[in-house]
Each structure stands twice: as structure tokens, then as C-alpha cells.
PDB file of N, CA and C in Angstrom:
ATOM      1  N   UNK A   1     -41.437 -43.248  15.191  1.00  0.00           N
ATOM      2  CA  UNK A   1     -41.471 -44.689  15.159  1.00  0.00           C
ATOM      3  C   UNK A   1     -40.035 -45.198  15.227  1.00  0.00           C
ATOM      4  N   UNK A   2     -39.778 -46.042  16.181  1.00  0.00           N
ATOM      5  CA  UNK A   2     -38.420 -46.567  16.336  1.00  0.00           C
ATOM      6  C   UNK A   2     -38.361 -47.981  15.806  1.00  0.00           C
ATOM      7  N   UNK A   3     -37.309 -48.262  15.125  1.00  0.00           N
ATOM      8  CA  UNK A   3     -37.094 -49.615  14.598  1.00  0.00           C
ATOM      9  C   UNK A   3     -36.061 -50.302  15.476  1.00  0.00           C
ATOM     10  N   UNK A   4     -36.484 -51.308  16.208  1.00  0.00           N
ATOM     11  CA  UNK A   4     -35.582 -52.038  17.104  1.00  0.00           C
ATOM     12  C   UNK A   4     -35.218 -53.366  16.448  1.00  0.00           C
ATOM     13  N   UNK A   5     -34.035 -53.420  15.909  1.00  0.00           N
ATOM     14  CA  UNK A   5     -33.603 -54.643  15.229  1.00  0.00           C
ATOM     15  C   UNK A   5     -32.811 -55.485  16.209  1.00  0.00           C
ATOM     16  N   UNK A   6     -33.163 -56.724  16.306  1.00  0.00           N
ATOM     17  CA  UNK A   6     -32.471 -57.654  17.195  1.00  0.00           C
ATOM     18  C   UNK A   6     -31.629 -58.610  16.375  1.00  0.00           C
ATOM     19  N   UNK A   7     -30.579 -59.078  16.983  1.00  0.00           N
ATOM     20  CA  UNK A   7     -29.724 -60.074  16.355  1.00  0.00           C
ATOM     21  C   UNK A   7     -30.394 -61.433  16.508  1.00  0.00           C
ATOM     22  N   UNK A   8     -30.197 -62.283  15.542  1.00  0.00           N
ATOM     23  CA  UNK A   8     -30.767 -63.619  15.583  1.00  0.00           C
ATOM     24  C   UNK A   8     -30.224 -64.375  16.793  1.00  0.00           C
ATOM     25  N   UNK A   9     -31.057 -65.157  17.473  1.00  0.00           N
ATOM     26  CA  UNK A   9     -30.570 -65.923  18.621  1.00  0.00           C
ATOM     27  C   UNK A   9     -29.470 -66.926  18.240  1.00  0.00           C
ATOM     28  N   UNK A  10     -29.554 -67.456  17.045  1.00  0.00           N
ATOM     29  CA  UNK A  10     -28.524 -68.399  16.590  1.00  0.00           C
ATOM     30  C   UNK A  10     -27.191 -67.675  16.411  1.00  0.00           C
ATOM     31  N   UNK A  11     -27.229 -66.472  15.847  1.00  0.00           N
ATOM     32  CA  UNK A  11     -26.006 -65.693  15.671  1.00  0.00           C
ATOM     33  C   UNK A  11     -25.421 -65.286  17.018  1.00  0.00           C
ATOM     34  N   UNK A  12     -26.295 -64.937  17.965  1.00  0.00           N
ATOM     35  CA  UNK A  12     -25.810 -64.577  19.299  1.00  0.00           C
ATOM     36  C   UNK A  12     -25.164 -65.776  19.992  1.00  0.00           C
ATOM     37  N   UNK A  13     -25.780 -66.953  19.868  1.00  0.00           N
ATOM     38  CA  UNK A  13     -25.206 -68.157  20.469  1.00  0.00           C
ATOM     39  C   UNK A  13     -23.859 -68.490  19.841  1.00  0.00           C
ATOM     40  N   UNK A  14     -23.786 -68.400  18.533  1.00  0.00           N
ATOM     41  CA  UNK A  14     -22.522 -68.667  17.851  1.00  0.00           C
ATOM     42  C   UNK A  14     -21.464 -67.649  18.253  1.00  0.00           C
ATOM     43  N   UNK A  15     -21.869 -66.398  18.423  1.00  0.00           N
ATOM     44  CA  UNK A  15     -20.941 -65.367  18.872  1.00  0.00           C
ATOM     45  C   UNK A  15     -20.387 -65.655  20.260  1.00  0.00           C
ATOM     46  N   UNK A  16     -21.265 -66.050  21.178  1.00  0.00           N
ATOM     47  CA  UNK A  16     -20.811 -66.378  22.531  1.00  0.00           C
ATOM     48  C   UNK A  16     -19.919 -67.613  22.536  1.00  0.00           C
ATOM     49  N   UNK A  17     -20.211 -68.581  21.682  1.00  0.00           N
ATOM     50  CA  UNK A  17     -19.340 -69.757  21.593  1.00  0.00           C
ATOM     51  C   UNK A  17     -17.958 -69.376  21.061  1.00  0.00           C
ATOM     52  N   UNK A  18     -17.922 -68.488  20.069  1.00  0.00           N
ATOM     53  CA  UNK A  18     -16.635 -68.026  19.546  1.00  0.00           C
ATOM     54  C   UNK A  18     -15.847 -67.271  20.611  1.00  0.00           C
ATOM     55  N   UNK A  19     -16.527 -66.461  21.419  1.00  0.00           N
ATOM     56  CA  UNK A  19     -15.857 -65.739  22.493  1.00  0.00           C
ATOM     57  C   UNK A  19     -15.269 -66.724  23.507  1.00  0.00           C
ATOM     58  N   UNK A  20     -16.043 -67.744  23.871  1.00  0.00           N
ATOM     59  CA  UNK A  20     -15.577 -68.719  24.861  1.00  0.00           C
ATOM     60  C   UNK A  20     -14.382 -69.516  24.334  1.00  0.00           C
ATOM     61  N   UNK A  21     -14.491 -70.006  23.114  1.00  0.00           N
ATOM     62  CA  UNK A  21     -13.399 -70.798  22.535  1.00  0.00           C
ATOM     63  C   UNK A  21     -12.161 -69.926  22.327  1.00  0.00           C
ATOM     64  N   UNK A  22     -12.349 -68.706  21.838  1.00  0.00           N
ATOM     65  CA  UNK A  22     -11.222 -67.796  21.654  1.00  0.00           C
ATOM     66  C   UNK A  22     -10.551 -67.446  22.970  1.00  0.00           C
ATOM     67  N   UNK A  23     -11.346 -67.261  24.019  1.00  0.00           N
ATOM     68  CA  UNK A  23     -10.772 -66.982  25.339  1.00  0.00           C
ATOM     69  C   UNK A  23      -9.956 -68.143  25.863  1.00  0.00           C
ATOM     70  N   UNK A  24     -10.455 -69.351  25.672  1.00  0.00           N
ATOM     71  CA  UNK A  24      -9.694 -70.527  26.117  1.00  0.00           C
ATOM     72  C   UNK A  24      -8.393 -70.680  25.336  1.00  0.00           C
ATOM     73  N   UNK A  25      -8.455 -70.480  24.034  1.00  0.00           N
ATOM     74  CA  UNK A  25      -7.246 -70.601  23.214  1.00  0.00           C
ATOM     75  C   UNK A  25      -6.235 -69.522  23.597  1.00  0.00           C
ATOM     76  N   UNK A  26      -6.689 -68.272  23.714  1.00  0.00           N
ATOM     77  CA  UNK A  26      -5.778 -67.175  24.035  1.00  0.00           C
ATOM     78  C   UNK A  26      -5.177 -67.340  25.427  1.00  0.00           C
ATOM     79  N   UNK A  27      -5.980 -67.789  26.391  1.00  0.00           N
ATOM     80  CA  UNK A  27      -5.474 -67.956  27.753  1.00  0.00           C
ATOM     81  C   UNK A  27      -4.431 -69.061  27.835  1.00  0.00           C
ATOM     82  N   UNK A  28      -4.719 -70.198  27.239  1.00  0.00           N
ATOM     83  CA  UNK A  28      -3.754 -71.296  27.321  1.00  0.00           C
ATOM     84  C   UNK A  28      -2.498 -71.005  26.514  1.00  0.00           C
ATOM     85  N   UNK A  29      -2.628 -70.393  25.354  1.00  0.00           N
ATOM     86  CA  UNK A  29      -1.444 -70.072  24.554  1.00  0.00           C
ATOM     87  C   UNK A  29      -0.602 -69.010  25.246  1.00  0.00           C
ATOM     88  N   UNK A  30      -1.257 -68.015  25.828  1.00  0.00           N
ATOM     89  CA  UNK A  30      -0.520 -66.969  26.540  1.00  0.00           C
ATOM     90  C   UNK A  30       0.171 -67.495  27.776  1.00  0.00           C
ATOM     91  N   UNK A  31      -0.515 -68.344  28.546  1.00  0.00           N
ATOM     92  CA  UNK A  31       0.092 -68.905  29.752  1.00  0.00           C
ATOM     93  C   UNK A  31       1.262 -69.817  29.408  1.00  0.00           C
ATOM     94  N   UNK A  32       1.122 -70.599  28.365  1.00  0.00           N
ATOM     95  CA  UNK A  32       2.197 -71.484  27.942  1.00  0.00           C
ATOM     96  C   UNK A  32       3.404 -70.682  27.470  1.00  0.00           C
ATOM     97  N   UNK A  33       3.161 -69.597  26.751  1.00  0.00           N
ATOM     98  CA  UNK A  33       4.263 -68.753  26.273  1.00  0.00           C
ATOM     99  C   UNK A  33       4.994 -68.088  27.436  1.00  0.00           C
ATOM    100  N   UNK A  34       4.243 -67.589  28.405  1.00  0.00           N
ATOM    101  CA  UNK A  34       4.866 -66.950  29.572  1.00  0.00           C
ATOM    102  C   UNK A  34       5.678 -67.969  30.360  1.00  0.00           C
ATOM    103  N   UNK A  35       5.143 -69.173  30.534  1.00  0.00           N
ATOM    104  CA  UNK A  35       5.866 -70.213  31.256  1.00  0.00           C
ATOM    105  C   UNK A  35       7.149 -70.607  30.526  1.00  0.00           C
ATOM    106  N   UNK A  36       7.063 -70.785  29.210  1.00  0.00           N
ATOM    107  CA  UNK A  36       8.256 -71.153  28.435  1.00  0.00           C
ATOM    108  C   UNK A  36       9.293 -70.038  28.466  1.00  0.00           C
ATOM    109  N   UNK A  37       8.866 -68.789  28.429  1.00  0.00           N
ATOM    110  CA  UNK A  37       9.795 -67.674  28.500  1.00  0.00           C
ATOM    111  C   UNK A  37      10.456 -67.603  29.876  1.00  0.00           C
ATOM    112  N   UNK A  38       9.686 -67.859  30.933  1.00  0.00           N
ATOM    113  CA  UNK A  38      10.254 -67.849  32.279  1.00  0.00           C
ATOM    114  C   UNK A  38      11.280 -68.963  32.448  1.00  0.00           C
ATOM    115  N   UNK A  39      10.985 -70.127  31.908  1.00  0.00           N
ATOM    116  CA  UNK A  39      11.932 -71.239  31.993  1.00  0.00           C
ATOM    117  C   UNK A  39      13.200 -70.913  31.212  1.00  0.00           C
ATOM    118  N   UNK A  40      13.062 -70.329  30.051  1.00  0.00           N
ATOM    119  CA  UNK A  40      14.228 -69.998  29.233  1.00  0.00           C
ATOM    120  C   UNK A  40      15.085 -68.926  29.891  1.00  0.00           C
ATOM    121  N   UNK A  41      14.438 -67.945  30.525  1.00  0.00           N
ATOM    122  CA  UNK A  41      15.201 -66.860  31.141  1.00  0.00           C
ATOM    123  C   UNK A  41      15.776 -67.238  32.496  1.00  0.00           C
ATOM    124  N   UNK A  42      15.248 -68.267  33.134  1.00  0.00           N
ATOM    125  CA  UNK A  42      15.762 -68.649  34.447  1.00  0.00           C
ATOM    126  C   UNK A  42      17.026 -69.492  34.363  1.00  0.00           C
ATOM    127  N   UNK A  43      17.357 -69.965  33.165  1.00  0.00           N
ATOM    128  CA  UNK A  43      18.570 -70.750  32.996  1.00  0.00           C
ATOM    129  C   UNK A  43      19.804 -69.878  33.072  1.00  0.00           C
ATOM    130  N   UNK A  44      20.962 -70.500  32.973  1.00  0.00           N
ATOM    131  CA  UNK A  44      22.210 -69.750  33.024  1.00  0.00           C
ATOM    132  C   UNK A  44      22.401 -68.909  31.785  1.00  0.00           C
ATOM    133  N   UNK A  45      23.277 -67.959  31.868  1.00  0.00           N
ATOM    134  CA  UNK A  45      23.561 -67.099  30.726  1.00  0.00           C
ATOM    135  C   UNK A  45      23.007 -65.711  30.932  1.00  0.00           C
ATOM    136  N   UNK A  46      23.312 -64.845  29.991  1.00  0.00           N
ATOM    137  CA  UNK A  46      22.839 -63.471  30.081  1.00  0.00           C
ATOM    138  C   UNK A  46      21.390 -63.374  29.617  1.00  0.00           C
ATOM    139  N   UNK A  47      20.768 -62.274  29.973  1.00  0.00           N
ATOM    140  CA  UNK A  47      19.360 -62.066  29.633  1.00  0.00           C
ATOM    141  C   UNK A  47      19.162 -61.972  28.119  1.00  0.00           C
ATOM    142  N   UNK A  48      20.016 -61.218  27.451  1.00  0.00           N
ATOM    143  CA  UNK A  48      19.878 -61.015  26.002  1.00  0.00           C
ATOM    144  C   UNK A  48      20.127 -62.320  25.255  1.00  0.00           C
ATOM    145  N   UNK A  49      21.112 -63.099  25.725  1.00  0.00           N
ATOM    146  CA  UNK A  49      21.409 -64.375  25.075  1.00  0.00           C
ATOM    147  C   UNK A  49      20.234 -65.347  25.216  1.00  0.00           C
ATOM    148  N   UNK A  50      19.674 -65.408  26.417  1.00  0.00           N
ATOM    149  CA  UNK A  50      18.530 -66.304  26.643  1.00  0.00           C
ATOM    150  C   UNK A  50      17.302 -65.844  25.861  1.00  0.00           C
ATOM    151  N   UNK A  51      17.094 -64.542  25.831  1.00  0.00           N
ATOM    152  CA  UNK A  51      15.940 -64.005  25.115  1.00  0.00           C
ATOM    153  C   UNK A  51      16.080 -64.226  23.616  1.00  0.00           C
ATOM    154  N   UNK A  52      17.301 -64.087  23.102  1.00  0.00           N
ATOM    155  CA  UNK A  52      17.533 -64.280  21.674  1.00  0.00           C
ATOM    156  C   UNK A  52      17.319 -65.700  21.209  1.00  0.00           C
ATOM    157  N   UNK A  53      17.558 -66.672  22.076  1.00  0.00           N
ATOM    158  CA  UNK A  53      17.337 -68.064  21.689  1.00  0.00           C
ATOM    159  C   UNK A  53      15.907 -68.517  21.975  1.00  0.00           C
ATOM    160  N   UNK A  54      15.231 -67.879  22.923  1.00  0.00           N
ATOM    161  CA  UNK A  54      13.885 -68.320  23.301  1.00  0.00           C
ATOM    162  C   UNK A  54      12.800 -67.729  22.404  1.00  0.00           C
ATOM    163  N   UNK A  55      12.934 -66.473  22.031  1.00  0.00           N
ATOM    164  CA  UNK A  55      11.865 -65.817  21.267  1.00  0.00           C
ATOM    165  C   UNK A  55      11.586 -66.449  19.901  1.00  0.00           C
ATOM    166  N   UNK A  56      12.594 -66.855  19.125  1.00  0.00           N
ATOM    167  CA  UNK A  56      12.259 -67.490  17.842  1.00  0.00           C
ATOM    168  C   UNK A  56      11.482 -68.794  17.984  1.00  0.00           C
ATOM    169  N   UNK A  57      11.559 -69.410  19.130  1.00  0.00           N
ATOM    170  CA  UNK A  57      10.807 -70.643  19.365  1.00  0.00           C
ATOM    171  C   UNK A  57       9.425 -70.321  19.940  1.00  0.00           C
ATOM    172  N   UNK A  58       9.374 -69.397  20.872  1.00  0.00           N
ATOM    173  CA  UNK A  58       8.128 -69.104  21.596  1.00  0.00           C
ATOM    174  C   UNK A  58       7.128 -68.346  20.726  1.00  0.00           C
ATOM    175  N   UNK A  59       7.586 -67.386  19.936  1.00  0.00           N
ATOM    176  CA  UNK A  59       6.646 -66.569  19.154  1.00  0.00           C
ATOM    177  C   UNK A  59       5.826 -67.374  18.150  1.00  0.00           C
ATOM    178  N   UNK A  60       6.413 -68.256  17.341  1.00  0.00           N
ATOM    179  CA  UNK A  60       5.552 -69.020  16.426  1.00  0.00           C
ATOM    180  C   UNK A  60       4.659 -70.030  17.147  1.00  0.00           C
ATOM    181  N   UNK A  61       5.200 -70.660  18.181  1.00  0.00           N
ATOM    182  CA  UNK A  61       4.434 -71.708  18.870  1.00  0.00           C
ATOM    183  C   UNK A  61       3.331 -71.111  19.733  1.00  0.00           C
ATOM    184  N   UNK A  62       3.594 -69.997  20.410  1.00  0.00           N
ATOM    185  CA  UNK A  62       2.588 -69.396  21.283  1.00  0.00           C
ATOM    186  C   UNK A  62       1.905 -68.187  20.696  1.00  0.00           C
ATOM    187  N   UNK A  63       2.596 -67.466  19.822  1.00  0.00           N
ATOM    188  CA  UNK A  63       2.038 -66.229  19.283  1.00  0.00           C
ATOM    189  C   UNK A  63       0.938 -66.444  18.268  1.00  0.00           C
ATOM    190  N   UNK A  64       1.084 -67.451  17.433  1.00  0.00           N
ATOM    191  CA  UNK A  64       0.064 -67.717  16.415  1.00  0.00           C
ATOM    192  C   UNK A  64      -1.258 -68.164  17.048  1.00  0.00           C
ATOM    193  N   UNK A  65      -1.249 -69.142  17.982  1.00  0.00           N
ATOM    194  CA  UNK A  65      -2.522 -69.475  18.638  1.00  0.00           C
ATOM    195  C   UNK A  65      -3.094 -68.319  19.451  1.00  0.00           C
ATOM    196  N   UNK A  66      -2.236 -67.504  20.041  1.00  0.00           N
ATOM    197  CA  UNK A  66      -2.720 -66.338  20.779  1.00  0.00           C
ATOM    198  C   UNK A  66      -3.431 -65.373  19.845  1.00  0.00           C
ATOM    199  N   UNK A  67      -2.874 -65.125  18.680  1.00  0.00           N
ATOM    200  CA  UNK A  67      -3.507 -64.242  17.700  1.00  0.00           C
ATOM    201  C   UNK A  67      -4.826 -64.827  17.189  1.00  0.00           C
ATOM    202  N   UNK A  68      -4.865 -66.142  16.989  1.00  0.00           N
ATOM    203  CA  UNK A  68      -6.109 -66.794  16.558  1.00  0.00           C
ATOM    204  C   UNK A  68      -7.182 -66.665  17.638  1.00  0.00           C
ATOM    205  N   UNK A  69      -6.801 -66.871  18.895  1.00  0.00           N
ATOM    206  CA  UNK A  69      -7.752 -66.741  20.001  1.00  0.00           C
ATOM    207  C   UNK A  69      -8.307 -65.337  20.121  1.00  0.00           C
ATOM    208  N   UNK A  70      -7.445 -64.337  20.008  1.00  0.00           N
ATOM    209  CA  UNK A  70      -7.900 -62.947  20.078  1.00  0.00           C
ATOM    210  C   UNK A  70      -8.803 -62.628  18.877  1.00  0.00           C
ATOM    211  N   UNK A  71      -8.470 -63.166  17.719  1.00  0.00           N
ATOM    212  CA  UNK A  71      -9.308 -62.964  16.542  1.00  0.00           C
ATOM    213  C   UNK A  71     -10.692 -63.571  16.715  1.00  0.00           C
ATOM    214  N   UNK A  72     -10.765 -64.746  17.326  1.00  0.00           N
ATOM    215  CA  UNK A  72     -12.068 -65.362  17.582  1.00  0.00           C
ATOM    216  C   UNK A  72     -12.884 -64.544  18.575  1.00  0.00           C
ATOM    217  N   UNK A  73     -12.219 -63.975  19.570  1.00  0.00           N
ATOM    218  CA  UNK A  73     -12.927 -63.129  20.532  1.00  0.00           C
ATOM    219  C   UNK A  73     -13.506 -61.901  19.836  1.00  0.00           C
ATOM    220  N   UNK A  74     -12.713 -61.260  18.997  1.00  0.00           N
ATOM    221  CA  UNK A  74     -13.183 -60.067  18.284  1.00  0.00           C
ATOM    222  C   UNK A  74     -14.338 -60.423  17.345  1.00  0.00           C
ATOM    223  N   UNK A  75     -14.207 -61.532  16.630  1.00  0.00           N
ATOM    224  CA  UNK A  75     -15.281 -61.963  15.735  1.00  0.00           C
ATOM    225  C   UNK A  75     -16.553 -62.283  16.508  1.00  0.00           C
ATOM    226  N   UNK A  76     -16.416 -62.953  17.645  1.00  0.00           N
ATOM    227  CA  UNK A  76     -17.580 -63.270  18.474  1.00  0.00           C
ATOM    228  C   UNK A  76     -18.264 -62.027  19.016  1.00  0.00           C
ATOM    229  N   UNK A  77     -17.478 -61.032  19.421  1.00  0.00           N
ATOM    230  CA  UNK A  77     -18.066 -59.786  19.919  1.00  0.00           C
ATOM    231  C   UNK A  77     -18.817 -59.057  18.820  1.00  0.00           C
ATOM    232  N   UNK A  78     -18.284 -59.102  17.606  1.00  0.00           N
ATOM    233  CA  UNK A  78     -18.979 -58.445  16.493  1.00  0.00           C
ATOM    234  C   UNK A  78     -20.277 -59.172  16.155  1.00  0.00           C
ATOM    235  N   UNK A  79     -20.296 -60.498  16.323  1.00  0.00           N
ATOM    236  CA  UNK A  79     -21.526 -61.241  16.043  1.00  0.00           C
ATOM    237  C   UNK A  79     -22.586 -60.996  17.110  1.00  0.00           C
ATOM    238  N   UNK A  80     -22.162 -60.740  18.348  1.00  0.00           N
ATOM    239  CA  UNK A  80     -23.115 -60.525  19.436  1.00  0.00           C
ATOM    240  C   UNK A  80     -23.659 -59.093  19.479  1.00  0.00           C
ATOM    241  N   UNK A  81     -22.967 -58.167  18.856  1.00  0.00           N
ATOM    242  CA  UNK A  81     -23.391 -56.765  18.915  1.00  0.00           C
ATOM    243  C   UNK A  81     -24.679 -56.569  18.115  1.00  0.00           C
ATOM    244  N   UNK A  82     -25.463 -55.620  18.589  1.00  0.00           N
ATOM    245  CA  UNK A  82     -26.696 -55.287  17.863  1.00  0.00           C
ATOM    246  C   UNK A  82     -26.337 -54.584  16.562  1.00  0.00           C
ATOM    247  N   UNK A  83     -27.093 -54.853  15.521  1.00  0.00           N
ATOM    248  CA  UNK A  83     -26.828 -54.153  14.262  1.00  0.00           C
ATOM    249  C   UNK A  83     -27.179 -52.683  14.373  1.00  0.00           C
ATOM    250  N   UNK A  84     -26.415 -51.855  13.705  1.00  0.00           N
ATOM    251  CA  UNK A  84     -26.683 -50.420  13.723  1.00  0.00           C
ATOM    252  C   UNK A  84     -27.873 -50.120  12.812  1.00  0.00           C
ATOM    253  N   UNK A  85     -28.713 -49.231  13.277  1.00  0.00           N
ATOM    254  CA  UNK A  85     -29.901 -48.856  12.513  1.00  0.00           C
ATOM    255  C   UNK A  85     -29.600 -47.552  11.788  1.00  0.00           C
ATOM    256  N   UNK A  86     -29.740 -47.587  10.498  1.00  0.00           N
ATOM    257  CA  UNK A  86     -29.537 -46.374   9.714  1.00  0.00           C
ATOM    258  C   UNK A  86     -30.891 -45.859   9.255  1.00  0.00           C
ATOM    259  N   UNK A  87     -31.090 -44.601   9.451  1.00  0.00           N
ATOM    260  CA  UNK A  87     -32.349 -44.000   9.026  1.00  0.00           C
ATOM    261  C   UNK A  87     -32.081 -43.117   7.825  1.00  0.00           C
ATOM    262  N   UNK A  88     -32.894 -43.234   6.794  1.00  0.00           N
ATOM    263  CA  UNK A  88     -32.695 -42.378   5.623  1.00  0.00           C
ATOM    264  C   UNK A  88     -33.119 -40.945   5.958  1.00  0.00           C
ATOM    265  N   UNK A  89     -32.325 -40.017   5.491  1.00  0.00           N
ATOM    266  CA  UNK A  89     -32.635 -38.592   5.762  1.00  0.00           C
ATOM    267  C   UNK A  89     -33.491 -37.988   4.702  1.00  0.00           C
TER     268      UNK A  89
END
């Protein structure tokens, strides 16, 4: 006898919404960070000097939303996954 446990449709919908919102947040934060880094590095000066002044600004502004977006994606995937079935031995 097999026990097929399904995830609640509400939990699956919430999981997919978290994945979508997390993807949008991570994509926009990542793209904005890459653009800001490219602008900072394209200016005059050496690479190390430009990188040293740009990273302390870019990491908090772009890195924190990027981490939040990735966290929402991971949480959404865990909500959408089927629960594991444990059988007593």
C-alpha cells in the first residue's frame, strides 16, 4: 500500500508566488549591481582604486536585496516540493 501525500494547493500557490517575487527581486538587484559596478569601473583611475570605492556602496545596496530574493526562491521551492513519506520499519 503506497501513501501518496500531496501538498496543499494553497501552499503550492504561495510557493510559486514566492519563487516569482524572489526571482524578480534577485534579477533586478543583480542587474542594478552589475550596471553600477560597470559604471564605476569604466571611469578614470586604476581598477583596484575603482573597485575599492565601488564595492562598499554596491554590496549593501545590491547584495542585501539579492540575498533576500535568493532566499525567497529557496523558500518557495521548499514549499512547492512534495513532502517526504517516512515509513515505520
